[in-house]
Amino acid sequence: MNAIAKGFSDGGVITWRNLMNVRRNPDWLMAATLQPIMFVLLFAYVFGNAIGGDAGGGAYREFLIAGIFAQTVAFNSAFTVIGFANDLQKGIIDRFRSLPMSRLAVVFGRTTSDLVVSVVALIVMSLCGLIVGWRIRGSFLDAVLGYLVMLMFAWALSWVGALIGLTARSVEVAQSAGLIWMFPLSFISAAFVPLDKLPGVLRVIAEWNPFTAVINATRDLFGNRWGAPQTGWPAEHAALYAVLCCVAIIAIFAPLATLKYRRVASK
């Protein structure tokens, strides 16, 4: 029990250290917020009227925001990848190894600090969404639950990013590896178009995609559903499936990332 408490305590110190690095390098935070703002404006005003049909784009813009939220927090996991790769390349991991601290603390601290960045990004995206016409139609409690589901998803993907970052041999490799797998997962989903608009095989993949589960759960809680009603177990139990997906990702990748860190730190 004391080891677990020490791990969380040391992890808090590493979290603070990483957040101080973000403060000293504000371009990281700008990258985490400017890109999704561009996606909102691009899809809302360039594609919105075409995809929105008779709704004139207004309903589509409400539909869009949850997808942008999910894509934003997913892409933010690339900061976890790059952060670990950068620490490995500069020898920071070797310095951590020499300190009397929990091995879990470094990985936990990195994922937690990047979760804070995702919180900031979601605040910025929410304000941007309000400007383009997005509104939360559900209750206050439902809205809070929607944000919590999104943040749980962000934290889960950070553990995936941690494993990739500890495996990458350089920062340059990490930059590519941290993003390349995100594009098919985020675009073959219900992020930007309703599932009924996708062809057969892609629709099946999108229905069971964890991105779609998180997005559908958030849309349900925000009251932002649009398009033909979705059927099937993942759509009808979106919140449950989203939480199960997040728990499964953490259960798989947290031990793998921690084990990888122990191997890297023991070299």
Protein backbone atom coordinates (compact mmCIF):
# COMPACT_ATOMS: atom_id res chain seq x y z
CA MET A 1 0.00 0.00 0.00
CA ASN A 2 2.87 2.36 0.81
CA ALA A 3 4.43 1.56 -2.57
CA ILE A 4 1.20 2.51 -4.34
CA ALA A 5 0.94 5.75 -2.35
CA LYS A 6 4.58 6.54 -3.15
CA GLY A 7 3.92 5.85 -6.82
CA PHE A 8 1.05 8.36 -6.91
CA SER A 9 3.05 10.89 -4.89
CA ASP A 10 6.08 10.63 -7.17
CA GLY A 11 3.76 10.67 -10.16
CA GLY A 12 2.37 14.00 -8.97
CA VAL A 13 5.88 15.45 -8.94
CA ILE A 14 6.52 14.22 -12.50
CA THR A 15 3.15 15.62 -13.59
CA TRP A 16 4.11 19.04 -12.25
CA ARG A 17 7.51 18.83 -13.94
CA ASN A 18 5.87 18.05 -17.30
CA LEU A 19 3.35 20.88 -16.91
CA MET A 20 6.20 23.29 -16.22
CA ASN A 21 7.75 22.15 -19.49
CA VAL A 22 4.50 22.99 -21.27
CA ARG A 23 4.57 26.44 -19.70
CA ARG A 24 8.12 26.95 -20.92
CA ASN A 25 7.18 25.66 -24.38
CA PRO A 26 3.74 27.20 -25.07
CA ASP A 27 3.94 26.09 -28.72
CA TRP A 28 2.95 22.60 -27.48
CA LEU A 29 -0.28 23.99 -26.08
CA MET A 30 -0.89 26.04 -29.21
CA ALA A 31 -0.49 22.92 -31.34
CA ALA A 32 -3.00 21.10 -29.12
CA THR A 33 -5.64 23.80 -29.66
CA LEU A 34 -5.07 25.46 -33.05
CA GLN A 35 -5.35 22.29 -35.12
CA PRO A 36 -8.80 21.29 -33.79
CA ILE A 37 -10.02 24.87 -34.23
CA MET A 38 -9.04 24.60 -37.90
CA PHE A 39 -10.93 21.30 -38.16
CA VAL A 40 -14.05 22.89 -36.63
CA LEU A 41 -14.00 25.82 -39.03
CA LEU A 42 -13.16 23.61 -42.01
CA PHE A 43 -15.88 21.04 -41.45
CA ALA A 44 -18.46 23.47 -40.09
CA TYR A 45 -18.30 26.03 -42.87
CA VAL A 46 -16.64 24.33 -45.86
CA PHE A 47 -18.40 20.95 -45.64
CA GLY A 48 -21.22 21.73 -43.21
CA ASN A 49 -23.78 23.08 -45.69
CA ALA A 50 -23.15 20.23 -48.11
CA ILE A 51 -23.34 17.49 -45.47
CA GLY A 52 -26.00 19.20 -43.38
CA GLY A 53 -28.57 19.15 -46.19
CA ASP A 54 -31.88 20.81 -45.39
CA ALA A 55 -30.70 21.71 -41.90
CA GLY A 56 -28.41 24.31 -43.50
CA GLY A 57 -25.42 23.05 -41.58
CA GLY A 58 -26.69 24.05 -38.13
CA ALA A 59 -27.60 20.53 -36.99
CA TYR A 60 -24.41 19.18 -38.51
CA ARG A 61 -22.28 21.64 -36.54
CA GLU A 62 -23.79 20.33 -33.30
CA PHE A 63 -23.22 16.78 -34.53
CA LEU A 64 -19.63 17.63 -35.46
CA ILE A 65 -18.31 18.91 -32.13
CA ALA A 66 -18.21 15.57 -30.29
CA GLY A 67 -16.22 14.12 -33.18
CA ILE A 68 -13.76 17.01 -33.02
CA PHE A 69 -13.48 16.52 -29.24
CA ALA A 70 -12.57 12.85 -29.71
CA GLN A 71 -10.10 13.57 -32.49
CA THR A 72 -8.47 16.34 -30.45
CA VAL A 73 -7.87 14.27 -27.31
CA ALA A 74 -6.72 11.35 -29.46
CA PHE A 75 -4.19 13.48 -31.31
CA ASN A 76 -3.00 14.88 -27.98
CA SER A 77 -1.69 11.41 -27.13
CA ALA A 78 1.05 12.23 -29.64
CA PHE A 79 2.44 14.60 -26.99
CA THR A 80 2.89 11.56 -24.74
CA VAL A 81 4.76 9.79 -27.54
CA ILE A 82 7.02 12.74 -28.31
CA GLY A 83 7.54 13.57 -24.62
CA PHE A 84 8.89 10.11 -23.82
CA ALA A 85 10.98 9.95 -26.98
CA ASN A 86 12.46 13.35 -26.17
CA ASP A 87 13.26 12.34 -22.57
CA LEU A 88 14.93 9.17 -23.80
CA GLN A 89 17.00 11.01 -26.39
CA LYS A 90 18.14 13.69 -23.92
CA GLY A 91 18.98 11.20 -21.17
CA ILE A 92 16.25 12.38 -18.78
CA ILE A 93 15.07 8.80 -18.28
CA ASP A 94 18.59 7.89 -17.13
CA ARG A 95 18.42 10.67 -14.52
CA PHE A 96 15.04 9.42 -13.32
CA ARG A 97 16.51 5.93 -12.98
CA SER A 98 19.13 7.23 -10.54
CA LEU A 99 16.48 8.73 -8.26
CA PRO A 100 14.77 6.80 -5.42
CA MET A 101 11.34 6.96 -7.04
CA SER A 102 8.65 4.56 -8.17
CA ARG A 103 9.04 3.17 -11.69
CA LEU A 104 5.31 3.72 -12.23
CA ALA A 105 5.64 7.44 -11.38
CA VAL A 106 7.31 8.50 -14.64
CA VAL A 107 4.72 6.86 -16.88
CA PHE A 108 1.79 7.89 -14.66
CA GLY A 109 3.09 11.45 -14.44
CA ARG A 110 3.44 11.77 -18.20
CA THR A 111 -0.05 10.46 -18.96
CA THR A 112 -1.59 12.63 -16.24
CA SER A 113 0.11 15.83 -17.39
CA ASP A 114 -1.08 15.19 -20.94
CA LEU A 115 -4.57 14.66 -19.55
CA VAL A 116 -4.38 18.21 -18.16
CA VAL A 117 -3.45 19.44 -21.65
CA SER A 118 -6.54 17.66 -22.98
CA VAL A 119 -8.68 19.45 -20.38
CA VAL A 120 -7.38 22.79 -21.65
CA ALA A 121 -7.98 21.71 -25.25
CA LEU A 122 -11.57 20.69 -24.48
CA ILE A 123 -12.24 24.06 -22.86
CA VAL A 124 -10.93 25.86 -25.95
CA MET A 125 -12.91 23.56 -28.26
CA SER A 126 -16.09 24.10 -26.27
CA LEU A 127 -15.75 27.87 -26.61
CA CYS A 128 -15.07 27.48 -30.32
CA GLY A 129 -18.11 25.22 -30.65
CA LEU A 130 -20.34 27.77 -28.93
CA ILE A 131 -19.16 30.39 -31.43
CA VAL A 132 -20.12 28.25 -34.46
CA GLY A 133 -23.54 27.39 -33.02
CA TRP A 134 -23.02 24.24 -30.96
CA ARG A 135 -25.17 23.89 -27.85
CA ILE A 136 -25.51 21.29 -25.11
CA ARG A 137 -29.14 20.12 -25.19
CA GLY A 138 -28.90 17.75 -22.23
CA SER A 139 -28.83 18.43 -18.51
CA PHE A 140 -25.85 19.79 -16.60
CA LEU A 141 -25.13 16.36 -15.10
CA ASP A 142 -25.29 14.74 -18.54
CA ALA A 143 -22.83 17.34 -19.86
CA VAL A 144 -20.39 16.62 -17.01
CA LEU A 145 -20.64 12.90 -17.71
CA GLY A 146 -20.02 13.56 -21.40
CA TYR A 147 -16.82 15.43 -20.64
CA LEU A 148 -15.71 12.73 -18.20
CA VAL A 149 -16.17 10.02 -20.83
CA MET A 150 -14.08 12.08 -23.25
CA LEU A 151 -11.32 12.61 -20.66
CA MET A 152 -11.29 8.92 -19.76
CA PHE A 153 -10.77 8.21 -23.46
CA ALA A 154 -7.95 10.77 -23.56
CA TRP A 155 -6.19 9.16 -20.60
CA ALA A 156 -6.60 5.67 -22.07
CA LEU A 157 -4.99 6.72 -25.36
CA SER A 158 -2.14 8.37 -23.46
CA TRP A 159 -1.10 4.92 -22.25
CA VAL A 160 -0.97 3.77 -25.86
CA GLY A 161 1.15 6.83 -26.61
CA ALA A 162 3.43 6.02 -23.68
CA LEU A 163 4.18 2.57 -25.06
CA ILE A 164 4.86 3.95 -28.55
CA GLY A 165 7.07 6.73 -27.17
CA LEU A 166 9.15 4.31 -25.12
CA THR A 167 9.52 2.04 -28.15
CA ALA A 168 10.43 4.72 -30.72
CA ARG A 169 14.14 5.09 -31.39
CA SER A 170 14.09 8.84 -32.00
CA VAL A 171 11.87 11.90 -31.73
CA GLU A 172 11.48 11.93 -35.52
CA VAL A 173 10.19 8.35 -35.54
CA ALA A 174 7.94 9.13 -32.57
CA GLN A 175 6.32 12.06 -34.40
CA SER A 176 5.22 9.77 -37.22
CA ALA A 177 4.37 6.74 -35.09
CA GLY A 178 2.32 8.84 -32.67
CA LEU A 179 -0.06 10.11 -35.35
CA ILE A 180 -0.18 7.66 -38.24
CA TRP A 181 -2.48 5.16 -36.51
CA MET A 182 -4.85 7.93 -35.43
CA PHE A 183 -6.05 8.88 -38.89
CA PRO A 184 -7.81 5.63 -39.89
CA LEU A 185 -9.29 5.20 -36.41
CA SER A 186 -10.66 8.75 -36.25
CA PHE A 187 -11.94 8.98 -39.82
CA ILE A 188 -13.43 5.46 -40.04
CA SER A 189 -15.88 6.35 -37.30
CA ALA A 190 -18.95 8.47 -36.66
CA ALA A 191 -16.78 11.53 -36.03
CA PHE A 192 -17.65 13.47 -39.19
CA VAL A 193 -20.49 11.62 -40.94
CA PRO A 194 -23.38 9.46 -39.69
CA LEU A 195 -22.72 5.73 -39.91
CA ASP A 196 -25.50 5.21 -42.47
CA LYS A 197 -23.44 7.27 -44.95
CA LEU A 198 -20.56 4.75 -44.85
CA PRO A 199 -20.35 1.72 -47.18
CA GLY A 200 -20.85 -1.80 -45.82
CA VAL A 201 -17.46 -2.96 -44.51
CA LEU A 202 -16.43 0.48 -43.29
CA ARG A 203 -19.76 0.85 -41.51
CA VAL A 204 -19.22 -2.38 -39.55
CA ILE A 205 -15.69 -1.29 -38.58
CA ALA A 206 -16.95 2.15 -37.58
CA GLU A 207 -19.79 0.71 -35.48
CA TRP A 208 -17.35 -1.18 -33.24
CA ASN A 209 -14.61 1.46 -33.33
CA PRO A 210 -13.93 2.81 -29.79
CA PHE A 211 -13.87 6.31 -31.31
CA THR A 212 -17.48 5.87 -32.41
CA ALA A 213 -18.51 4.56 -28.99
CA VAL A 214 -17.02 7.56 -27.19
CA ILE A 215 -18.43 10.00 -29.76
CA ASN A 216 -21.93 8.48 -29.66
CA ALA A 217 -21.91 8.42 -25.86
CA THR A 218 -20.90 12.08 -25.74
CA ARG A 219 -23.51 13.05 -28.34
CA ASP A 220 -26.21 11.25 -26.38
CA LEU A 221 -25.22 13.03 -23.18
CA PHE A 222 -24.96 16.42 -24.94
CA GLY A 223 -28.23 15.84 -26.83
CA ASN A 224 -26.49 16.31 -30.19
CA ARG A 225 -27.60 13.23 -32.16
CA TRP A 226 -28.33 13.84 -35.85
CA GLY A 227 -29.07 11.69 -38.88
CA ALA A 228 -30.80 8.32 -39.10
CA PRO A 229 -31.16 6.45 -35.77
CA GLN A 230 -28.33 3.97 -35.24
CA THR A 231 -29.09 0.38 -34.37
CA GLY A 232 -26.98 -2.42 -32.97
CA TRP A 233 -25.52 -3.10 -29.53
CA PRO A 234 -22.63 -0.56 -29.71
CA ALA A 235 -25.00 2.28 -30.64
CA GLU A 236 -27.76 1.30 -28.23
CA HIS A 237 -25.31 0.97 -25.31
CA ALA A 238 -22.85 3.66 -26.38
CA ALA A 239 -21.91 4.90 -22.89
CA LEU A 240 -21.35 1.39 -21.52
CA TYR A 241 -19.36 0.34 -24.57
CA ALA A 242 -17.27 3.53 -24.43
CA VAL A 243 -16.35 2.94 -20.78
CA LEU A 244 -15.57 -0.73 -21.43
CA CYS A 245 -13.31 0.23 -24.34
CA CYS A 246 -11.44 2.76 -22.20
CA VAL A 247 -11.02 0.29 -19.34
CA ALA A 248 -9.79 -2.39 -21.77
CA ILE A 249 -7.25 -0.01 -23.36
CA ILE A 250 -5.91 1.03 -19.95
CA ALA A 251 -5.84 -2.58 -18.69
CA ILE A 252 -3.79 -3.65 -21.72
CA PHE A 253 -1.48 -0.72 -22.35
CA ALA A 254 -0.78 0.56 -18.81
CA PRO A 255 1.04 -2.65 -17.77
CA LEU A 256 2.78 -2.85 -21.17
CA ALA A 257 3.97 0.77 -20.95
CA THR A 258 5.15 0.31 -17.36
CA LEU A 259 6.99 -2.90 -18.27
CA LYS A 260 8.58 -1.19 -21.27
CA TYR A 261 9.71 1.70 -19.06
CA ARG A 262 11.31 -0.73 -16.60
CA ARG A 263 13.22 -2.37 -19.45
CA VAL A 264 14.32 0.96 -20.89
CA ALA A 265 15.30 2.35 -17.48
CA SER A 266 17.30 -0.77 -16.60
CA LYS A 267 19.63 -0.50 -19.62
